[in-house]
Amino acid sequence: MNLTVPIEEGEIHATIRAPKGASTGCAIVYYHGGGMLYGDRDDLPEPYMEMIEDAGHTLIAMDYPLCPETALERSLALSLQALCHVVERVLPDLCCTRYALFGRSAGAYLALKLADRMRVEHPQLLQPSAIWDFYGYWDLADPFTNTPNAHYLTLPAVDEATAVNACGPSGSLVLHGPKATRYALYVHARQQGLWAKMLGITDANASDLSLSPANLARLPPVFITASTGDNDVPLKQSKTLMRSTPRHRMHQVYYLEHDFDRDASNPAGSETYRDALAYLDEALEPTER
């Protein structure tokens, strides 16, 4: 089922998949990866969606405004508006009394940041019961955001003209960024050390766009997974998150790529989702179903 969510600058879209069998009354709100520059909400491999549905959870896959057309700060604000609408208007219609935020890579950053902003800016609303952080990040002042990346430097060079041609008009609301047309934008950003600039991150706002140790300590239970072979996001982002959150589970995989669950035929992916679902059960347990 497709859902339209109003925001100040128009509307965004979401895809809802109902649970199979008895419902847990919990929705998992999903944000895709893509460095905030590309990607789309329906990128989650089918076997993992079926695992979520079989566990009795509702899955809500959300759009969000992409950069550089929308600066990261504005994208966060609009994403928070959309999440508030879902929490207030959509979850009751779906008979969901709880929800978890789930993101992969850039989507994990969104999940962490939105959980923090919900707590601070909308304490009167239903708060997330848990977060799934799949190979995400939270510290945008880290040098990896503005220095050339060794892995992407091994790929064919993407020139500035190609990157510019991949973008829409500045200020436009871009919600769907196919990898075939937008991935070059991300490669260029990482090759040139321009990723932070493309997101609108500056020395003045990097701290506000990140999460502080105090923010991390107030997060709901967090399931964290990342690979030791990640050549995109430093593993220390996940390790420090693990040390900073009082309620967490770290599921580490070894020697695989950044988005190791992209290949659903690799058992490491399904093992990770089974562990994530088990941890979510633990996080939901204090609330009677």
Foldseek 3Di string as FASTA:
>chain_A
DKDWFDFPVGIWIKDKDFAPDAAPLEEEEEEEDDLLFADAQPLQDPVLVNVCRPLRYMYIGTWWFGWDLPAQVVRLVRVLSRVQCCQPPPSVVSSRPAYEYEYAAVSLLSRLVSLLCCVVPPVVTHGHLEYEYQLYFFQQVDQQQQAAFPVLLVDPAQDPVLLVVLDDHRNDGDGHGDCVRGVSNVSNCNRRSNSCVRNVHDPVCRPVSGADLVSLQPGHEYEYEFEPQERRHDCVRRVVSVVSYPHYDYDYHYNAYGPRCSPVVPVVNVVSSVVVSVVVCVSCVVPDD
